[in-house]
Amino acid sequence: MLKVTQAEFAATMGVSVDTIKSWESKRRNPAGLAAKVLATIKDNPQIYSSLAAH
């Protein structure tokens, strides 16, 4: 969908690569603000580039 690496996505989200792997494998679910940001990115993938720029 976004065509970014786990490391790039982790840096943008301010979490570890292990956290991203846990979310992807369904071992953990994102909570709080992370869940809201992920839902927003899912609904509007273009917003990711704005987030990654900061």
C-alpha atoms as a PDB file:
ATOM      1  CA  MET A   1       0.000   0.000   0.000  1.00  0.00           C
ATOM      2  CA  LEU A   2       2.576   2.603   1.073  1.00  0.00           C
ATOM      3  CA  LYS A   3       5.675   0.928  -0.387  1.00  0.00           C
ATOM      4  CA  VAL A   4       7.949   1.872   2.523  1.00  0.00           C
ATOM      5  CA  THR A   5      10.166  -0.353   4.621  1.00  0.00           C
ATOM      6  CA  GLN A   6       9.295  -1.375   8.147  1.00  0.00           C
ATOM      7  CA  ALA A   7      12.222   0.756   9.341  1.00  0.00           C
ATOM      8  CA  GLU A   8      10.924   3.821   7.496  1.00  0.00           C
ATOM      9  CA  PHE A   9       7.404   3.307   8.804  1.00  0.00           C
ATOM     10  CA  ALA A  10       8.675   2.734  12.353  1.00  0.00           C
ATOM     11  CA  ALA A  11      10.677   5.963  12.220  1.00  0.00           C
ATOM     12  CA  THR A  12       7.643   7.898  10.989  1.00  0.00           C
ATOM     13  CA  MET A  13       5.428   6.418  13.712  1.00  0.00           C
ATOM     14  CA  GLY A  14       8.066   6.841  16.424  1.00  0.00           C
ATOM     15  CA  VAL A  15       8.057   3.159  17.350  1.00  0.00           C
ATOM     16  CA  SER A  16      10.495   0.284  16.981  1.00  0.00           C
ATOM     17  CA  VAL A  17      10.658  -2.061  14.005  1.00  0.00           C
ATOM     18  CA  ASP A  18       9.726  -4.859  16.433  1.00  0.00           C
ATOM     19  CA  THR A  19       6.498  -3.002  17.231  1.00  0.00           C
ATOM     20  CA  ILE A  20       5.654  -2.746  13.524  1.00  0.00           C
ATOM     21  CA  LYS A  21       6.367  -6.470  13.113  1.00  0.00           C
ATOM     22  CA  SER A  22       4.109  -7.246  16.085  1.00  0.00           C
ATOM     23  CA  TRP A  23       1.274  -5.203  14.588  1.00  0.00           C
ATOM     24  CA  GLU A  24       1.678  -6.856  11.191  1.00  0.00           C
ATOM     25  CA  SER A  25       1.715 -10.361  12.663  1.00  0.00           C
ATOM     26  CA  LYS A  26      -1.298  -9.553  14.903  1.00  0.00           C
ATOM     27  CA  ARG A  27       0.701 -10.385  18.066  1.00  0.00           C
ATOM     28  CA  ARG A  28      -0.111  -6.894  19.357  1.00  0.00           C
ATOM     29  CA  ASN A  29      -2.696  -4.312  18.435  1.00  0.00           C
ATOM     30  CA  PRO A  30      -1.872  -0.635  18.190  1.00  0.00           C
ATOM     31  CA  ALA A  31      -3.624   1.440  20.832  1.00  0.00           C
ATOM     32  CA  GLY A  32      -4.412   5.063  21.502  1.00  0.00           C
ATOM     33  CA  LEU A  33      -3.015   7.637  19.116  1.00  0.00           C
ATOM     34  CA  ALA A  34      -1.133   5.015  17.080  1.00  0.00           C
ATOM     35  CA  ALA A  35      -4.420   3.247  16.289  1.00  0.00           C
ATOM     36  CA  LYS A  36      -6.001   6.537  15.204  1.00  0.00           C
ATOM     37  CA  VAL A  37      -3.026   7.467  13.024  1.00  0.00           C
ATOM     38  CA  LEU A  38      -3.014   4.028  11.387  1.00  0.00           C
ATOM     39  CA  ALA A  39      -6.756   4.250  10.688  1.00  0.00           C
ATOM     40  CA  THR A  40      -6.253   7.693   9.156  1.00  0.00           C
ATOM     41  CA  ILE A  41      -3.424   6.419   6.947  1.00  0.00           C
ATOM     42  CA  LYS A  42      -5.578   3.474   5.882  1.00  0.00           C
ATOM     43  CA  ASP A  43      -8.420   5.824   4.898  1.00  0.00           C
ATOM     44  CA  ASN A  44      -6.108   8.352   3.247  1.00  0.00           C
ATOM     45  CA  PRO A  45      -2.679   6.875   2.345  1.00  0.00           C
ATOM     46  CA  GLN A  46      -1.465  10.218   0.954  1.00  0.00           C
ATOM     47  CA  ILE A  47      -1.325  11.600   4.492  1.00  0.00           C
ATOM     48  CA  TYR A  48       1.629   9.308   5.222  1.00  0.00           C
ATOM     49  CA  SER A  49       3.995  11.504   3.202  1.00  0.00           C
ATOM     50  CA  SER A  50       2.969  14.511   5.292  1.00  0.00           C
ATOM     51  CA  LEU A  51       3.621  12.579   8.501  1.00  0.00           C
ATOM     52  CA  ALA A  52       6.957  11.276   7.243  1.00  0.00           C
ATOM     53  CA  ALA A  53       8.110  14.823   6.459  1.00  0.00           C
ATOM     54  CA  HIS A  54       7.961  15.826  10.155  1.00  0.00           C
END
